[in-house]
Amino acid sequence: MSLVTIELNPASAPRATLIVLHGLGADGADFIQMFDALDLDAVGPVRCVMPRAPERAVTINNGYRMRAWYDIAGSDLQRREDEAGLRLSTQQIHALLDREIANGMPAERIVLAGFSQGCAMTLLAGLRYPQRLAGLVGMSGYLPLAEATAAERHSANNNTPIFLAHGTRDPVVALARGAAARDKLQTLGYAPEWHEYPMEHSLCMEEVQDLNQWLLQVLA
């Protein structure tokens, strides 16, 4: 099943695409304000694609149905991972990337980004994608299926720039989980750019500004 997307298209032909994956129970539209806050004029016209995760029952929320990239069984994000859900969403995100490329955007001009669950999916799908992407952005999330990363990652994205950011007061995904993702990626030879901010499970303007500068670099 293909993903439903919210798309912001520039008036002229885009020179790059930013794909943003939302968090648990959220919606792609949540990131319109973030995209509006970015100043990427130096890159040229940029297209923003915000897919909506399918609705599914989420165990940690008493089985309530909501938009989620995968199920969460409990607060321990490392155990009892929903591998089937994670892998299905990876296929859907890869199909979305394939569609963007088929529509004329080179893979190396596409940045894949995500917040919380969206961060997890960005790292999972991005490192396994068979074409080199412009960059991966993980905000307030973690690395799922961490022990499978070494065997399953694709060499096409061995040197892809990675931006990781996390709040020091995050009560939902602890800072330690984000730091563990950073450390795991470093042991595998990646060089993620790491940022910490005095915030909870959210975004802040300083983070958006740092992301803006990073995007200007990787899309230059």
C-alpha atoms as a PDB file:
ATOM      1  CA  MET A   1       0.000   0.000   0.000  1.00  0.00           C
ATOM      2  CA  SER A   2       1.443   3.385  -1.005  1.00  0.00           C
ATOM      3  CA  LEU A   3       1.630   6.165   1.549  1.00  0.00           C
ATOM      4  CA  VAL A   4      -0.722   9.135   1.503  1.00  0.00           C
ATOM      5  CA  THR A   5       1.367  12.308   1.379  1.00  0.00           C
ATOM      6  CA  ILE A   6       1.043  16.018   2.023  1.00  0.00           C
ATOM      7  CA  GLU A   7       3.222  17.851  -0.501  1.00  0.00           C
ATOM      8  CA  LEU A   8       4.478  21.425  -0.670  1.00  0.00           C
ATOM      9  CA  ASN A   9       5.646  22.198  -4.191  1.00  0.00           C
ATOM     10  CA  PRO A  10       7.603  25.311  -5.159  1.00  0.00           C
ATOM     11  CA  ALA A  11       6.441  27.524  -8.024  1.00  0.00           C
ATOM     12  CA  SER A  12       9.347  26.388 -10.205  1.00  0.00           C
ATOM     13  CA  ALA A  13      11.053  23.047 -10.721  1.00  0.00           C
ATOM     14  CA  PRO A  14      12.565  21.835  -7.415  1.00  0.00           C
ATOM     15  CA  ARG A  15      16.291  21.290  -7.051  1.00  0.00           C
ATOM     16  CA  ALA A  16      15.932  19.122  -3.951  1.00  0.00           C
ATOM     17  CA  THR A  17      13.338  17.208  -1.931  1.00  0.00           C
ATOM     18  CA  LEU A  18      12.926  17.048   1.835  1.00  0.00           C
ATOM     19  CA  ILE A  19      10.869  14.073   3.060  1.00  0.00           C
ATOM     20  CA  VAL A  20       9.770  14.355   6.702  1.00  0.00           C
ATOM     21  CA  LEU A  21       8.358  11.423   8.704  1.00  0.00           C
ATOM     22  CA  HIS A  22       6.131  12.301  11.664  1.00  0.00           C
ATOM     23  CA  GLY A  23       6.004  10.729  15.116  1.00  0.00           C
ATOM     24  CA  LEU A  24       3.530   8.425  16.851  1.00  0.00           C
ATOM     25  CA  GLY A  25      -0.060   9.644  16.697  1.00  0.00           C
ATOM     26  CA  ALA A  26       0.928  12.743  14.763  1.00  0.00           C
ATOM     27  CA  ASP A  27       0.411  13.743  11.150  1.00  0.00           C
ATOM     28  CA  GLY A  28       2.558  14.902   8.275  1.00  0.00           C
ATOM     29  CA  ALA A  29       0.977  18.339   8.427  1.00  0.00           C
ATOM     30  CA  ASP A  30       2.667  18.903  11.787  1.00  0.00           C
ATOM     31  CA  PHE A  31       5.881  19.767   9.952  1.00  0.00           C
ATOM     32  CA  ILE A  32       4.547  22.441   7.621  1.00  0.00           C
ATOM     33  CA  GLN A  33       5.511  25.083  10.177  1.00  0.00           C
ATOM     34  CA  MET A  34       9.048  23.688  10.453  1.00  0.00           C
ATOM     35  CA  PHE A  35       9.462  23.705   6.680  1.00  0.00           C
ATOM     36  CA  ASP A  36       8.184  27.289   6.513  1.00  0.00           C
ATOM     37  CA  ALA A  37      10.807  28.283   9.091  1.00  0.00           C
ATOM     38  CA  LEU A  38      13.663  27.000   6.932  1.00  0.00           C
ATOM     39  CA  ASP A  39      15.491  29.388   4.616  1.00  0.00           C
ATOM     40  CA  LEU A  40      16.844  27.280   1.770  1.00  0.00           C
ATOM     41  CA  ASP A  41      16.884  29.956  -0.923  1.00  0.00           C
ATOM     42  CA  ALA A  42      20.589  29.329  -1.497  1.00  0.00           C
ATOM     43  CA  VAL A  43      19.731  25.766  -2.566  1.00  0.00           C
ATOM     44  CA  GLY A  44      16.975  26.834  -4.932  1.00  0.00           C
ATOM     45  CA  PRO A  45      13.378  25.618  -4.974  1.00  0.00           C
ATOM     46  CA  VAL A  46      12.844  22.749  -2.516  1.00  0.00           C
ATOM     47  CA  ARG A  47       9.914  20.349  -2.501  1.00  0.00           C
ATOM     48  CA  CYS A  48       8.666  19.026   0.855  1.00  0.00           C
ATOM     49  CA  VAL A  49       6.904  15.665   1.112  1.00  0.00           C
ATOM     50  CA  MET A  50       5.214  14.704   4.402  1.00  0.00           C
ATOM     51  CA  PRO A  51       3.808  11.160   4.304  1.00  0.00           C
ATOM     52  CA  ARG A  52       1.125   9.968   6.706  1.00  0.00           C
ATOM     53  CA  ALA A  53       1.711   6.694   8.496  1.00  0.00           C
ATOM     54  CA  PRO A  54      -1.162   4.188   8.307  1.00  0.00           C
ATOM     55  CA  GLU A  55      -3.476   3.904  11.303  1.00  0.00           C
ATOM     56  CA  ARG A  56      -2.845   0.865  13.485  1.00  0.00           C
ATOM     57  CA  ALA A  57      -3.543  -0.363  17.008  1.00  0.00           C
ATOM     58  CA  VAL A  58      -0.748   0.700  19.363  1.00  0.00           C
ATOM     59  CA  THR A  59      -0.246  -1.633  22.319  1.00  0.00           C
ATOM     60  CA  ILE A  60       1.304   0.900  24.705  1.00  0.00           C
ATOM     61  CA  ASN A  61      -1.777   3.099  24.207  1.00  0.00           C
ATOM     62  CA  ASN A  62      -4.214   0.317  25.139  1.00  0.00           C
ATOM     63  CA  GLY A  63      -4.667  -0.758  21.547  1.00  0.00           C
ATOM     64  CA  TYR A  64      -6.033   2.604  20.460  1.00  0.00           C
ATOM     65  CA  ARG A  65      -5.764   3.095  16.710  1.00  0.00           C
ATOM     66  CA  MET A  66      -3.602   6.011  15.591  1.00  0.00           C
ATOM     67  CA  ARG A  67      -1.100   6.909  12.925  1.00  0.00           C
ATOM     68  CA  ALA A  68       2.035   4.897  13.649  1.00  0.00           C
ATOM     69  CA  TRP A  69       4.914   3.562  11.601  1.00  0.00           C
ATOM     70  CA  TYR A  70       5.003   0.458  13.834  1.00  0.00           C
ATOM     71  CA  ASP A  71       3.564  -0.857  17.085  1.00  0.00           C
ATOM     72  CA  ILE A  72       5.149  -0.119  20.466  1.00  0.00           C
ATOM     73  CA  ALA A  73       4.629  -2.841  23.059  1.00  0.00           C
ATOM     74  CA  GLY A  74       6.038  -0.965  26.058  1.00  0.00           C
ATOM     75  CA  SER A  75       8.242   1.836  27.314  1.00  0.00           C
ATOM     76  CA  ASP A  76      11.414  -0.208  26.784  1.00  0.00           C
ATOM     77  CA  LEU A  77      12.055   0.640  23.149  1.00  0.00           C
ATOM     78  CA  GLN A  78      14.864  -1.901  22.789  1.00  0.00           C
ATOM     79  CA  ARG A  79      12.885  -5.016  23.656  1.00  0.00           C
ATOM     80  CA  ARG A  80       9.911  -6.578  21.873  1.00  0.00           C
ATOM     81  CA  GLU A  81      10.409  -4.462  18.782  1.00  0.00           C
ATOM     82  CA  ASP A  82       7.680  -4.717  16.150  1.00  0.00           C
ATOM     83  CA  GLU A  83      10.024  -6.057  13.490  1.00  0.00           C
ATOM     84  CA  ALA A  84       7.210  -6.838  11.038  1.00  0.00           C
ATOM     85  CA  GLY A  85       5.823  -3.308  11.319  1.00  0.00           C
ATOM     86  CA  LEU A  86       9.258  -1.747  11.046  1.00  0.00           C
ATOM     87  CA  ARG A  87      10.067  -3.709   7.914  1.00  0.00           C
ATOM     88  CA  LEU A  88       6.719  -3.004   6.275  1.00  0.00           C
ATOM     89  CA  SER A  89       7.140   0.731   6.838  1.00  0.00           C
ATOM     90  CA  THR A  90      10.685   0.505   5.474  1.00  0.00           C
ATOM     91  CA  GLN A  91       9.278  -0.951   2.248  1.00  0.00           C
ATOM     92  CA  GLN A  92       6.710   1.856   2.036  1.00  0.00           C
ATOM     93  CA  ILE A  93       9.331   4.550   2.607  1.00  0.00           C
ATOM     94  CA  HIS A  94      11.625   2.980   0.013  1.00  0.00           C
ATOM     95  CA  ALA A  95       8.696   3.006  -2.430  1.00  0.00           C
ATOM     96  CA  LEU A  96       8.163   6.698  -1.676  1.00  0.00           C
ATOM     97  CA  LEU A  97      11.836   7.389  -2.392  1.00  0.00           C
ATOM     98  CA  ASP A  98      11.596   5.348  -5.583  1.00  0.00           C
ATOM     99  CA  ARG A  99       8.584   7.420  -6.669  1.00  0.00           C
ATOM    100  CA  GLU A 100      10.404  10.679  -6.043  1.00  0.00           C
ATOM    101  CA  ILE A 101      13.351   9.477  -8.122  1.00  0.00           C
ATOM    102  CA  ALA A 102      11.056   8.233 -10.892  1.00  0.00           C
ATOM    103  CA  ASN A 103       9.525  11.714 -10.992  1.00  0.00           C
ATOM    104  CA  GLY A 104      12.911  13.200 -11.777  1.00  0.00           C
ATOM    105  CA  MET A 105      14.610  13.994  -8.467  1.00  0.00           C
ATOM    106  CA  PRO A 106      18.062  12.355  -8.192  1.00  0.00           C
ATOM    107  CA  ALA A 107      18.538  10.327  -5.013  1.00  0.00           C
ATOM    108  CA  GLU A 108      21.543  12.447  -4.043  1.00  0.00           C
ATOM    109  CA  ARG A 109      19.238  15.501  -3.916  1.00  0.00           C
ATOM    110  CA  ILE A 110      16.796  13.907  -1.428  1.00  0.00           C
ATOM    111  CA  VAL A 111      17.036  14.374   2.338  1.00  0.00           C
ATOM    112  CA  LEU A 112      15.079  11.920   4.498  1.00  0.00           C
ATOM    113  CA  ALA A 113      14.155  13.270   7.936  1.00  0.00           C
ATOM    114  CA  GLY A 114      11.995  12.214  10.856  1.00  0.00           C
ATOM    115  CA  PHE A 115      10.918  12.948  14.415  1.00  0.00           C
ATOM    116  CA  SER A 116      10.593  10.290  17.163  1.00  0.00           C
ATOM    117  CA  GLN A 117       9.109   7.208  15.404  1.00  0.00           C
ATOM    118  CA  GLY A 118       9.877   9.073  12.188  1.00  0.00           C
ATOM    119  CA  CYS A 119      13.517   9.334  13.271  1.00  0.00           C
ATOM    120  CA  ALA A 120      13.613   5.596  13.862  1.00  0.00           C
ATOM    121  CA  MET A 121      12.201   4.970  10.394  1.00  0.00           C
ATOM    122  CA  THR A 122      14.602   7.476   8.810  1.00  0.00           C
ATOM    123  CA  LEU A 123      17.605   5.618  10.188  1.00  0.00           C
ATOM    124  CA  LEU A 124      16.151   2.186   9.478  1.00  0.00           C
ATOM    125  CA  ALA A 125      15.051   2.899   5.907  1.00  0.00           C
ATOM    126  CA  GLY A 126      17.730   5.416   4.981  1.00  0.00           C
ATOM    127  CA  LEU A 127      20.727   3.251   5.869  1.00  0.00           C
ATOM    128  CA  ARG A 128      19.220   0.351   3.908  1.00  0.00           C
ATOM    129  CA  TYR A 129      18.282   2.315   0.787  1.00  0.00           C
ATOM    130  CA  PRO A 130      20.240   1.138  -2.294  1.00  0.00           C
ATOM    131  CA  GLN A 131      20.889   4.624  -3.684  1.00  0.00           C
ATOM    132  CA  ARG A 132      22.951   7.374  -2.099  1.00  0.00           C
ATOM    133  CA  LEU A 133      20.784  10.026  -0.438  1.00  0.00           C
ATOM    134  CA  ALA A 134      21.771  13.639   0.260  1.00  0.00           C
ATOM    135  CA  GLY A 135      21.368  13.183   3.994  1.00  0.00           C
ATOM    136  CA  LEU A 136      19.482  11.665   6.925  1.00  0.00           C
ATOM    137  CA  VAL A 137      17.973  13.703   9.774  1.00  0.00           C
ATOM    138  CA  GLY A 138      16.968  12.048  13.043  1.00  0.00           C
ATOM    139  CA  MET A 139      15.220  14.190  15.668  1.00  0.00           C
ATOM    140  CA  SER A 140      14.358  12.932  19.161  1.00  0.00           C
ATOM    141  CA  GLY A 141      14.483   9.273  18.215  1.00  0.00           C
ATOM    142  CA  TYR A 142      16.604   6.145  18.256  1.00  0.00           C
ATOM    143  CA  LEU A 143      18.007   3.364  16.064  1.00  0.00           C
ATOM    144  CA  PRO A 144      15.633   0.383  15.727  1.00  0.00           C
ATOM    145  CA  LEU A 145      16.825  -3.160  14.952  1.00  0.00           C
ATOM    146  CA  ALA A 146      20.240  -1.832  15.933  1.00  0.00           C
ATOM    147  CA  GLU A 147      22.029  -5.182  15.921  1.00  0.00           C
ATOM    148  CA  ALA A 148      20.893  -5.889  12.355  1.00  0.00           C
ATOM    149  CA  THR A 149      22.220  -2.599  11.005  1.00  0.00           C
ATOM    150  CA  ALA A 150      25.751  -3.787  10.232  1.00  0.00           C
ATOM    151  CA  ALA A 151      24.542  -6.727   8.144  1.00  0.00           C
ATOM    152  CA  GLU A 152      21.623  -4.979   6.447  1.00  0.00           C
ATOM    153  CA  ARG A 153      22.898  -1.468   5.692  1.00  0.00           C
ATOM    154  CA  HIS A 154      23.604  -0.667   2.058  1.00  0.00           C
ATOM    155  CA  SER A 155      27.042   0.520   1.006  1.00  0.00           C
ATOM    156  CA  ALA A 156      25.455   3.256  -1.141  1.00  0.00           C
ATOM    157  CA  ASN A 157      24.813   5.255   2.037  1.00  0.00           C
ATOM    158  CA  ASN A 158      28.028   4.497   3.911  1.00  0.00           C
ATOM    159  CA  ASN A 159      29.126   8.146   3.672  1.00  0.00           C
ATOM    160  CA  THR A 160      25.759   9.885   3.721  1.00  0.00           C
ATOM    161  CA  PRO A 161      25.729  12.879   6.119  1.00  0.00           C
ATOM    162  CA  ILE A 162      23.620  12.309   9.238  1.00  0.00           C
ATOM    163  CA  PHE A 163      22.155  14.993  11.537  1.00  0.00           C
ATOM    164  CA  LEU A 164      20.993  13.796  14.968  1.00  0.00           C
ATOM    165  CA  ALA A 165      19.306  16.023  17.552  1.00  0.00           C
ATOM    166  CA  HIS A 166      17.754  15.338  20.960  1.00  0.00           C
ATOM    167  CA  GLY A 167      16.305  17.135  23.940  1.00  0.00           C
ATOM    168  CA  THR A 168      18.160  16.769  27.234  1.00  0.00           C
ATOM    169  CA  ARG A 169      14.838  16.681  29.135  1.00  0.00           C
ATOM    170  CA  ASP A 170      13.005  14.254  26.821  1.00  0.00           C
ATOM    171  CA  PRO A 171      10.634  12.072  28.934  1.00  0.00           C
ATOM    172  CA  VAL A 172       9.382  10.025  25.952  1.00  0.00           C
ATOM    173  CA  VAL A 173      12.582   8.909  24.224  1.00  0.00           C
ATOM    174  CA  ALA A 174      15.373   9.336  26.732  1.00  0.00           C
ATOM    175  CA  LEU A 175      18.483  11.242  25.686  1.00  0.00           C
ATOM    176  CA  ALA A 176      20.452   8.050  26.317  1.00  0.00           C
ATOM    177  CA  ARG A 177      18.561   6.292  23.501  1.00  0.00           C
ATOM    178  CA  GLY A 178      19.489   9.007  21.029  1.00  0.00           C
ATOM    179  CA  ALA A 179      23.085   8.936  22.229  1.00  0.00           C
ATOM    180  CA  ALA A 180      23.139   5.154  21.847  1.00  0.00           C
ATOM    181  CA  ALA A 181      22.074   5.567  18.214  1.00  0.00           C
ATOM    182  CA  ARG A 182      24.878   8.063  17.686  1.00  0.00           C
ATOM    183  CA  ASP A 183      27.424   5.739  19.298  1.00  0.00           C
ATOM    184  CA  LYS A 184      26.256   2.704  17.313  1.00  0.00           C
ATOM    185  CA  LEU A 185      26.493   4.620  14.051  1.00  0.00           C
ATOM    186  CA  GLN A 186      29.985   5.780  14.955  1.00  0.00           C
ATOM    187  CA  THR A 187      31.141   2.220  15.616  1.00  0.00           C
ATOM    188  CA  LEU A 188      29.881   1.326  12.121  1.00  0.00           C
ATOM    189  CA  GLY A 189      31.974   4.076  10.542  1.00  0.00           C
ATOM    190  CA  TYR A 190      29.372   6.826  10.151  1.00  0.00           C
ATOM    191  CA  ALA A 191      30.052  10.373  11.326  1.00  0.00           C
ATOM    192  CA  PRO A 192      26.722  11.712  12.634  1.00  0.00           C
ATOM    193  CA  GLU A 193      26.561  15.391  13.572  1.00  0.00           C
ATOM    194  CA  TRP A 194      25.149  15.425  17.111  1.00  0.00           C
ATOM    195  CA  HIS A 195      23.137  18.205  18.784  1.00  0.00           C
ATOM    196  CA  GLU A 196      21.562  18.478  22.245  1.00  0.00           C
ATOM    197  CA  TYR A 197      19.007  21.089  23.282  1.00  0.00           C
ATOM    198  CA  PRO A 198      17.435  21.958  26.680  1.00  0.00           C
ATOM    199  CA  MET A 199      13.960  20.806  25.654  1.00  0.00           C
ATOM    200  CA  GLU A 200      11.543  17.908  26.105  1.00  0.00           C
ATOM    201  CA  HIS A 201      10.113  15.700  23.314  1.00  0.00           C
ATOM    202  CA  SER A 202       9.739  18.502  20.795  1.00  0.00           C
ATOM    203  CA  LEU A 203      11.495  20.830  18.394  1.00  0.00           C
ATOM    204  CA  CYS A 204      13.016  24.198  19.234  1.00  0.00           C
ATOM    205  CA  MET A 205      14.043  27.164  17.110  1.00  0.00           C
ATOM    206  CA  GLU A 206      17.752  26.622  17.778  1.00  0.00           C
ATOM    207  CA  GLU A 207      17.400  23.081  16.438  1.00  0.00           C
ATOM    208  CA  VAL A 208      15.616  24.306  13.306  1.00  0.00           C
ATOM    209  CA  GLN A 209      18.371  26.884  12.756  1.00  0.00           C
ATOM    210  CA  ASP A 210      21.111  24.249  13.131  1.00  0.00           C
ATOM    211  CA  LEU A 211      19.222  21.957  10.772  1.00  0.00           C
ATOM    212  CA  ASN A 212      18.909  24.829   8.297  1.00  0.00           C
ATOM    213  CA  GLN A 213      22.682  25.301   8.203  1.00  0.00           C
ATOM    214  CA  TRP A 214      23.258  21.571   7.813  1.00  0.00           C
ATOM    215  CA  LEU A 215      20.755  21.348   4.931  1.00  0.00           C
ATOM    216  CA  LEU A 216      22.497  24.215   3.158  1.00  0.00           C
ATOM    217  CA  GLN A 217      25.748  22.257   3.387  1.00  0.00           C
ATOM    218  CA  VAL A 218      24.504  18.860   2.223  1.00  0.00           C
ATOM    219  CA  LEU A 219      22.392  20.361  -0.597  1.00  0.00           C
ATOM    220  CA  ALA A 220      24.950  22.929  -1.757  1.00  0.00           C
END
